[in-house]
Amino acid sequence: MKLPRIALLPVAVVLLLTGVTGYFYATGRDYEDFVEEHGHAHHAPHGGTLILLGDHTAHIELVLDPEAGKLTAYLLDGHAEHPVRSTAQELVFAFRRNPEAPWQSIALRAIDNPLSGEKAGDTSEFAGTAEGLVGAEAFELRTPALELRGVTFAGIETTFPEGNE
């Protein structure tokens, strides 16, 4: 005998709740302690480093390919879930691999994406390479001046791969 799908709904709810509460039970922590310790957190959808812009107005996610010295930036919403398009043709970041080194720049050019319909001048993805990033694991970073969602952000300083999120 087959059960109607609606009959499985209570089972699914119990499994979901057990999984969530099971984590806190198994680790000896409760949810309130977790939120107090970690606060509100976001996750980088491309596995990169998040840079928060403003009071959760938007994010830049940075993904580094150290073998090629390639840096890709994804512009995301305040929850780091959805792309936010920009009219910029390029984003110029400043970086240095250690505090004694001079700042270098890397220009990330707008990327066309036929799957999303994004084109240069209306895109959320930018990429570029710099010889100074070849083999890099960590570096200091300054963001470019960037207007997103009617707000201008400029010169946010952070570190990679930590970010400021």
Protein backbone atom coordinates (compact mmCIF):
# COMPACT_ATOMS: atom_id res chain seq x y z
CA MET A 1 0.00 0.00 0.00
CA LYS A 2 1.35 3.43 -0.97
CA LEU A 3 1.05 6.30 1.48
CA PRO A 4 -0.11 9.62 0.15
CA ARG A 5 2.71 12.21 0.01
CA ILE A 6 0.99 14.40 2.58
CA ALA A 7 1.32 11.57 5.12
CA LEU A 8 5.13 11.79 4.80
CA LEU A 9 5.23 15.49 5.68
CA PRO A 10 5.31 15.01 9.49
CA VAL A 11 8.17 12.52 9.10
CA ALA A 12 10.16 15.00 6.99
CA VAL A 13 9.61 17.77 9.55
CA VAL A 14 10.78 15.54 12.42
CA LEU A 15 13.91 14.50 10.48
CA LEU A 16 14.75 18.11 9.67
CA LEU A 17 14.31 19.29 13.24
CA THR A 18 16.22 16.31 14.64
CA GLY A 19 19.16 17.09 12.34
CA VAL A 20 19.34 20.73 13.45
CA THR A 21 18.86 20.07 17.14
CA GLY A 22 21.06 16.97 16.91
CA TYR A 23 24.05 19.13 15.96
CA PHE A 24 23.66 21.31 19.04
CA TYR A 25 22.96 18.32 21.29
CA ALA A 26 26.00 16.39 19.99
CA THR A 27 28.31 19.38 20.41
CA GLY A 28 26.98 20.32 23.86
CA ARG A 29 26.03 23.79 22.64
CA ASP A 30 22.74 25.55 22.26
CA TYR A 31 21.63 27.74 19.40
CA GLU A 32 21.66 30.99 21.39
CA ASP A 33 25.32 30.43 22.39
CA PHE A 34 26.20 29.71 18.77
CA VAL A 35 24.58 32.95 17.52
CA GLU A 36 26.14 34.97 20.35
CA GLU A 37 29.60 33.63 19.54
CA HIS A 38 29.41 33.79 15.74
CA GLY A 39 26.74 36.40 15.07
CA HIS A 40 25.03 36.63 11.72
CA ALA A 41 27.10 34.80 9.11
CA HIS A 42 27.01 34.41 5.35
CA HIS A 43 28.54 31.78 3.13
CA ALA A 44 30.46 32.44 -0.09
CA PRO A 45 28.57 30.70 -2.92
CA HIS A 46 31.74 30.24 -5.03
CA GLY A 47 33.90 29.07 -2.12
CA GLY A 48 35.79 32.36 -1.91
CA THR A 49 36.33 35.16 0.59
CA LEU A 50 33.53 37.58 1.46
CA ILE A 51 33.97 41.33 1.85
CA LEU A 52 30.99 43.04 3.42
CA LEU A 53 30.01 46.40 1.92
CA GLY A 54 28.13 48.73 4.24
CA ASP A 55 25.56 47.51 6.72
CA HIS A 56 24.71 44.34 4.78
CA THR A 57 24.08 46.35 1.61
CA ALA A 58 26.16 44.01 -0.56
CA HIS A 59 29.20 41.74 -0.67
CA ILE A 60 32.17 41.15 -2.92
CA GLU A 61 33.24 37.53 -3.07
CA LEU A 62 36.85 37.01 -4.13
CA VAL A 63 38.14 33.73 -5.56
CA LEU A 64 41.88 33.35 -6.16
CA ASP A 65 43.62 30.97 -8.54
CA PRO A 66 47.17 31.27 -7.16
CA GLU A 67 48.76 29.24 -9.96
CA ALA A 68 47.61 31.75 -12.57
CA GLY A 69 47.57 34.82 -10.32
CA LYS A 70 43.92 35.19 -11.32
CA LEU A 71 41.45 36.96 -9.08
CA THR A 72 37.70 36.75 -9.73
CA ALA A 73 35.21 39.04 -7.99
CA TYR A 74 31.50 38.31 -7.72
CA LEU A 75 29.16 41.11 -6.65
CA LEU A 76 26.46 39.75 -4.36
CA ASP A 77 23.50 41.01 -2.35
CA GLY A 78 23.52 41.69 1.39
CA HIS A 79 23.01 38.01 2.22
CA ALA A 80 25.66 36.83 -0.29
CA GLU A 81 23.05 34.75 -2.09
CA HIS A 82 22.15 36.57 -5.33
CA PRO A 83 24.24 38.39 -7.92
CA VAL A 84 24.08 42.18 -8.07
CA ARG A 85 24.87 43.67 -11.46
CA SER A 86 27.09 46.69 -11.93
CA THR A 87 27.57 49.10 -14.82
CA ALA A 88 31.35 49.18 -14.15
CA GLN A 89 33.62 48.00 -16.96
CA GLU A 90 36.39 47.10 -14.51
CA LEU A 91 37.23 47.07 -10.82
CA VAL A 92 40.76 48.01 -9.76
CA PHE A 93 41.89 46.53 -6.45
CA ALA A 94 45.14 47.31 -4.62
CA PHE A 95 47.03 44.47 -2.92
CA ARG A 96 50.30 43.70 -1.21
CA ARG A 97 51.60 40.39 0.05
CA ASN A 98 53.31 41.81 3.13
CA PRO A 99 53.22 45.10 5.06
CA GLU A 100 56.69 46.17 3.85
CA ALA A 101 55.87 45.65 0.18
CA PRO A 102 54.52 48.44 -2.01
CA TRP A 103 50.87 48.32 -3.04
CA GLN A 104 50.23 46.82 -6.49
CA SER A 105 47.07 47.03 -8.54
CA ILE A 106 45.02 44.46 -10.36
CA ALA A 107 42.32 45.39 -12.85
CA LEU A 108 39.39 43.00 -12.96
CA ARG A 109 37.43 43.34 -16.18
CA ALA A 110 33.70 42.78 -16.55
CA ILE A 111 32.85 39.24 -17.66
CA ASP A 112 30.11 38.28 -20.10
CA ASN A 113 28.02 35.30 -19.01
CA PRO A 114 25.73 33.91 -21.72
CA LEU A 115 23.95 31.64 -19.21
CA SER A 116 22.76 34.54 -17.05
CA GLY A 117 22.54 37.09 -19.86
CA GLU A 118 25.10 39.33 -18.14
CA LYS A 119 27.34 41.46 -20.34
CA ALA A 120 30.10 44.00 -19.70
CA GLY A 121 28.41 47.11 -18.32
CA ASP A 122 25.65 44.97 -16.80
CA THR A 123 27.36 42.15 -14.93
CA SER A 124 28.14 40.84 -11.46
CA GLU A 125 31.39 39.04 -12.35
CA PHE A 126 34.86 40.52 -12.88
CA ALA A 127 38.25 38.83 -13.38
CA GLY A 128 41.88 39.66 -13.99
CA THR A 129 45.44 38.49 -13.39
CA ALA A 130 48.49 39.96 -11.71
CA GLU A 131 52.00 38.54 -11.62
CA GLY A 132 52.20 39.60 -7.96
CA LEU A 133 49.42 37.13 -7.05
CA VAL A 134 51.12 34.08 -8.58
CA GLY A 135 51.71 31.66 -5.70
CA ALA A 136 49.95 33.93 -3.19
CA GLU A 137 48.13 32.41 -0.26
CA ALA A 138 47.45 35.60 1.68
CA PHE A 139 47.58 39.34 1.04
CA GLU A 140 46.23 42.69 2.16
CA LEU A 141 43.57 44.22 -0.05
CA ARG A 142 41.86 47.55 -0.71
CA THR A 143 38.62 47.55 -2.62
CA PRO A 144 37.97 49.98 -5.47
CA ALA A 145 35.37 52.73 -5.43
CA LEU A 146 32.19 50.94 -6.38
CA GLU A 147 28.56 51.97 -6.60
CA LEU A 148 26.01 49.25 -5.85
CA ARG A 149 22.34 49.65 -5.09
CA GLY A 150 22.65 53.43 -5.06
CA VAL A 151 25.43 53.49 -2.44
CA THR A 152 29.11 54.21 -3.14
CA PHE A 153 31.73 52.14 -1.32
CA ALA A 154 35.44 52.91 -1.48
CA GLY A 155 38.76 51.79 -0.07
CA ILE A 156 37.64 49.06 2.30
CA GLU A 157 40.80 47.42 3.64
CA THR A 158 40.83 43.75 4.55
CA THR A 159 42.94 40.64 4.27
CA PHE A 160 42.68 37.59 2.05
CA PRO A 161 41.65 34.86 2.73
CA GLU A 162 40.05 36.10 5.97
CA GLY A 163 37.88 38.87 4.51
CA ASN A 164 35.78 41.04 6.81
CA GLU A 165 32.64 38.95 7.09
